[in-house]
Amino acid sequence: MDISTLRSIVTVVSFITFVAIVAWAWSSRNAASFDEAAQLPFKQD
């Protein structure tokens, strides 16, 4: 296996991981938990 092939594979895997994280973050089923987490700094006990 050539170093260029290995670099290409790592680049593709990194891009797929990035797209998966973006899709997870923008998923509508996570919106409620993200909204709740966003309000934690303002919460007063």
PDB file of N, CA and C in Angstrom:
ATOM      1  N   MET A   1       0.854  -1.187   0.000  1.00  0.00           N
ATOM      2  CA  MET A   1       0.000   0.000   0.000  1.00  0.00           C
ATOM      3  C   MET A   1       0.893   1.242   0.000  1.00  0.00           C
ATOM      4  N   ASP A   2       0.613   2.110  -0.894  1.00  0.00           N
ATOM      5  CA  ASP A   2       1.350   3.354  -1.084  1.00  0.00           C
ATOM      6  C   ASP A   2       0.903   4.389  -0.041  1.00  0.00           C
ATOM      7  N   ILE A   3       1.777   5.295   0.344  1.00  0.00           N
ATOM      8  CA  ILE A   3       1.452   6.336   1.336  1.00  0.00           C
ATOM      9  C   ILE A   3       0.346   7.253   0.818  1.00  0.00           C
ATOM     10  N   SER A   4       0.292   7.486  -0.483  1.00  0.00           N
ATOM     11  CA  SER A   4      -0.754   8.328  -1.060  1.00  0.00           C
ATOM     12  C   SER A   4      -2.119   7.662  -0.935  1.00  0.00           C
ATOM     13  N   THR A   5      -2.164   6.362  -1.112  1.00  0.00           N
ATOM     14  CA  THR A   5      -3.412   5.613  -0.943  1.00  0.00           C
ATOM     15  C   THR A   5      -3.873   5.686   0.498  1.00  0.00           C
ATOM     16  N   LEU A   6      -2.957   5.530   1.421  1.00  0.00           N
ATOM     17  CA  LEU A   6      -3.293   5.610   2.842  1.00  0.00           C
ATOM     18  C   LEU A   6      -3.810   6.998   3.199  1.00  0.00           C
ATOM     19  N   ARG A   7      -3.191   8.030   2.691  1.00  0.00           N
ATOM     20  CA  ARG A   7      -3.647   9.401   2.936  1.00  0.00           C
ATOM     21  C   ARG A   7      -5.036   9.631   2.360  1.00  0.00           C
ATOM     22  N   SER A   8      -5.290   9.088   1.190  1.00  0.00           N
ATOM     23  CA  SER A   8      -6.620   9.217   0.578  1.00  0.00           C
ATOM     24  C   SER A   8      -7.683   8.519   1.414  1.00  0.00           C
ATOM     25  N   ILE A   9      -7.374   7.346   1.908  1.00  0.00           N
ATOM     26  CA  ILE A   9      -8.315   6.605   2.747  1.00  0.00           C
ATOM     27  C   ILE A   9      -8.604   7.368   4.034  1.00  0.00           C
ATOM     28  N   VAL A  10      -7.580   7.899   4.664  1.00  0.00           N
ATOM     29  CA  VAL A  10      -7.759   8.664   5.900  1.00  0.00           C
ATOM     30  C   VAL A  10      -8.585   9.916   5.633  1.00  0.00           C
ATOM     31  N   THR A  11      -8.363  10.571   4.507  1.00  0.00           N
ATOM     32  CA  THR A  11      -9.140  11.763   4.154  1.00  0.00           C
ATOM     33  C   THR A  11     -10.611  11.419   3.961  1.00  0.00           C
ATOM     34  N   VAL A  12     -10.896  10.348   3.252  1.00  0.00           N
ATOM     35  CA  VAL A  12     -12.285   9.938   3.007  1.00  0.00           C
ATOM     36  C   VAL A  12     -12.969   9.535   4.313  1.00  0.00           C
ATOM     37  N   VAL A  13     -12.293   8.787   5.160  1.00  0.00           N
ATOM     38  CA  VAL A  13     -12.860   8.382   6.442  1.00  0.00           C
ATOM     39  C   VAL A  13     -13.107   9.600   7.330  1.00  0.00           C
ATOM     40  N   SER A  14     -12.209  10.548   7.328  1.00  0.00           N
ATOM     41  CA  SER A  14     -12.383  11.768   8.116  1.00  0.00           C
ATOM     42  C   SER A  14     -13.577  12.579   7.618  1.00  0.00           C
ATOM     43  N   PHE A  15     -13.740  12.674   6.303  1.00  0.00           N
ATOM     44  CA  PHE A  15     -14.867  13.414   5.733  1.00  0.00           C
ATOM     45  C   PHE A  15     -16.190  12.731   6.073  1.00  0.00           C
ATOM     46  N   ILE A  16     -16.236  11.418   5.984  1.00  0.00           N
ATOM     47  CA  ILE A  16     -17.454  10.680   6.340  1.00  0.00           C
ATOM     48  C   ILE A  16     -17.786  10.879   7.812  1.00  0.00           C
ATOM     49  N   THR A  17     -16.773  10.859   8.668  1.00  0.00           N
ATOM     50  CA  THR A  17     -16.992  11.097  10.094  1.00  0.00           C
ATOM     51  C   THR A  17     -17.524  12.508  10.329  1.00  0.00           C
ATOM     52  N   PHE A  18     -16.973  13.490   9.651  1.00  0.00           N
ATOM     53  CA  PHE A  18     -17.438  14.866   9.769  1.00  0.00           C
ATOM     54  C   PHE A  18     -18.898  14.993   9.350  1.00  0.00           C
ATOM     55  N   VAL A  19     -19.251  14.410   8.225  1.00  0.00           N
ATOM     56  CA  VAL A  19     -20.633  14.468   7.742  1.00  0.00           C
ATOM     57  C   VAL A  19     -21.572  13.780   8.723  1.00  0.00           C
ATOM     58  N   ALA A  20     -21.161  12.675   9.300  1.00  0.00           N
ATOM     59  CA  ALA A  20     -21.991  11.966  10.278  1.00  0.00           C
ATOM     60  C   ALA A  20     -22.212  12.812  11.528  1.00  0.00           C
ATOM     61  N   ILE A  21     -21.187  13.504  12.005  1.00  0.00           N
ATOM     62  CA  ILE A  21     -21.326  14.363  13.177  1.00  0.00           C
ATOM     63  C   ILE A  21     -22.240  15.541  12.881  1.00  0.00           C
ATOM     64  N   VAL A  22     -22.112  16.135  11.710  1.00  0.00           N
ATOM     65  CA  VAL A  22     -22.987  17.246  11.325  1.00  0.00           C
ATOM     66  C   VAL A  22     -24.435  16.771  11.230  1.00  0.00           C
ATOM     67  N   ALA A  23     -24.656  15.614  10.637  1.00  0.00           N
ATOM     68  CA  ALA A  23     -26.011  15.071  10.523  1.00  0.00           C
ATOM     69  C   ALA A  23     -26.594  14.789  11.901  1.00  0.00           C
ATOM     70  N   TRP A  24     -25.781  14.270  12.815  1.00  0.00           N
ATOM     71  CA  TRP A  24     -26.252  13.996  14.176  1.00  0.00           C
ATOM     72  C   TRP A  24     -26.586  15.303  14.898  1.00  0.00           C
ATOM     73  N   ALA A  25     -25.748  16.319  14.738  1.00  0.00           N
ATOM     74  CA  ALA A  25     -25.969  17.586  15.436  1.00  0.00           C
ATOM     75  C   ALA A  25     -27.209  18.305  14.929  1.00  0.00           C
ATOM     76  N   TRP A  26     -27.525  18.197  13.654  1.00  0.00           N
ATOM     77  CA  TRP A  26     -28.671  18.875  13.071  1.00  0.00           C
ATOM     78  C   TRP A  26     -29.936  18.016  13.072  1.00  0.00           C
ATOM     79  N   SER A  27     -29.843  16.818  13.659  1.00  0.00           N
ATOM     80  CA  SER A  27     -30.994  15.926  13.708  1.00  0.00           C
ATOM     81  C   SER A  27     -32.092  16.525  14.580  1.00  0.00           C
ATOM     82  N   SER A  28     -33.326  16.466  14.110  1.00  0.00           N
ATOM     83  CA  SER A  28     -34.430  17.081  14.849  1.00  0.00           C
ATOM     84  C   SER A  28     -34.744  16.330  16.141  1.00  0.00           C
ATOM     85  N   ARG A  29     -34.382  15.061  16.230  1.00  0.00           N
ATOM     86  CA  ARG A  29     -34.691  14.334  17.465  1.00  0.00           C
ATOM     87  C   ARG A  29     -33.736  14.716  18.604  1.00  0.00           C
ATOM     88  N   ASN A  30     -32.624  15.375  18.293  1.00  0.00           N
ATOM     89  CA  ASN A  30     -31.700  15.853  19.327  1.00  0.00           C
ATOM     90  C   ASN A  30     -31.975  17.296  19.729  1.00  0.00           C
ATOM     91  N   ALA A  31     -32.889  17.954  19.063  1.00  0.00           N
ATOM     92  CA  ALA A  31     -33.123  19.383  19.290  1.00  0.00           C
ATOM     93  C   ALA A  31     -33.551  19.676  20.723  1.00  0.00           C
ATOM     94  N   ALA A  32     -34.414  18.862  21.279  1.00  0.00           N
ATOM     95  CA  ALA A  32     -34.905  19.111  22.643  1.00  0.00           C
ATOM     96  C   ALA A  32     -33.771  19.044  23.659  1.00  0.00           C
ATOM     97  N   SER A  33     -32.919  18.046  23.547  1.00  0.00           N
ATOM     98  CA  SER A  33     -31.819  17.931  24.514  1.00  0.00           C
ATOM     99  C   SER A  33     -30.798  19.046  24.323  1.00  0.00           C
ATOM    100  N   PHE A  34     -30.572  19.485  23.073  1.00  0.00           N
ATOM    101  CA  PHE A  34     -29.647  20.592  22.834  1.00  0.00           C
ATOM    102  C   PHE A  34     -30.217  21.909  23.359  1.00  0.00           C
ATOM    103  N   ASP A  35     -31.529  22.108  23.197  1.00  0.00           N
ATOM    104  CA  ASP A  35     -32.151  23.322  23.738  1.00  0.00           C
ATOM    105  C   ASP A  35     -32.053  23.353  25.260  1.00  0.00           C
ATOM    106  N   GLU A  36     -32.257  22.209  25.874  1.00  0.00           N
ATOM    107  CA  GLU A  36     -32.146  22.126  27.340  1.00  0.00           C
ATOM    108  C   GLU A  36     -30.708  22.400  27.787  1.00  0.00           C
ATOM    109  N   ALA A  37     -29.739  21.827  27.096  1.00  0.00           N
ATOM    110  CA  ALA A  37     -28.330  22.047  27.430  1.00  0.00           C
ATOM    111  C   ALA A  37     -27.930  23.497  27.215  1.00  0.00           C
ATOM    112  N   ALA A  38     -28.520  24.159  26.229  1.00  0.00           N
ATOM    113  CA  ALA A  38     -28.193  25.559  25.961  1.00  0.00           C
ATOM    114  C   ALA A  38     -28.661  26.469  27.089  1.00  0.00           C
ATOM    115  N   GLN A  39     -29.669  26.055  27.825  1.00  0.00           N
ATOM    116  CA  GLN A  39     -30.206  26.879  28.909  1.00  0.00           C
ATOM    117  C   GLN A  39     -29.525  26.631  30.258  1.00  0.00           C
ATOM    118  N   LEU A  40     -28.664  25.638  30.342  1.00  0.00           N
ATOM    119  CA  LEU A  40     -28.007  25.314  31.615  1.00  0.00           C
ATOM    120  C   LEU A  40     -27.216  26.471  32.222  1.00  0.00           C
ATOM    121  N   PRO A  41     -26.488  27.280  31.457  1.00  0.00           N
ATOM    122  CA  PRO A  41     -25.753  28.380  32.085  1.00  0.00           C
ATOM    123  C   PRO A  41     -26.663  29.429  32.739  1.00  0.00           C
ATOM    124  N   PHE A  42     -27.904  29.490  32.315  1.00  0.00           N
ATOM    125  CA  PHE A  42     -28.828  30.502  32.831  1.00  0.00           C
ATOM    126  C   PHE A  42     -29.725  29.967  33.939  1.00  0.00           C
ATOM    127  N   LYS A  43     -29.618  28.670  34.207  1.00  0.00           N
ATOM    128  CA  LYS A  43     -30.484  28.044  35.198  1.00  0.00           C
ATOM    129  C   LYS A  43     -30.057  28.459  36.611  1.00  0.00           C
ATOM    130  N   GLN A  44     -31.047  28.806  37.415  1.00  0.00           N
ATOM    131  CA  GLN A  44     -30.773  29.199  38.802  1.00  0.00           C
ATOM    132  C   GLN A  44     -31.419  28.176  39.722  1.00  0.00           C
ATOM    133  N   ASP A  45     -30.647  27.676  40.645  1.00  0.00           N
ATOM    134  CA  ASP A  45     -31.183  26.694  41.605  1.00  0.00           C
ATOM    135  C   ASP A  45     -31.720  27.351  42.830  1.00  0.00           C
TER     136      ASP A  45
END
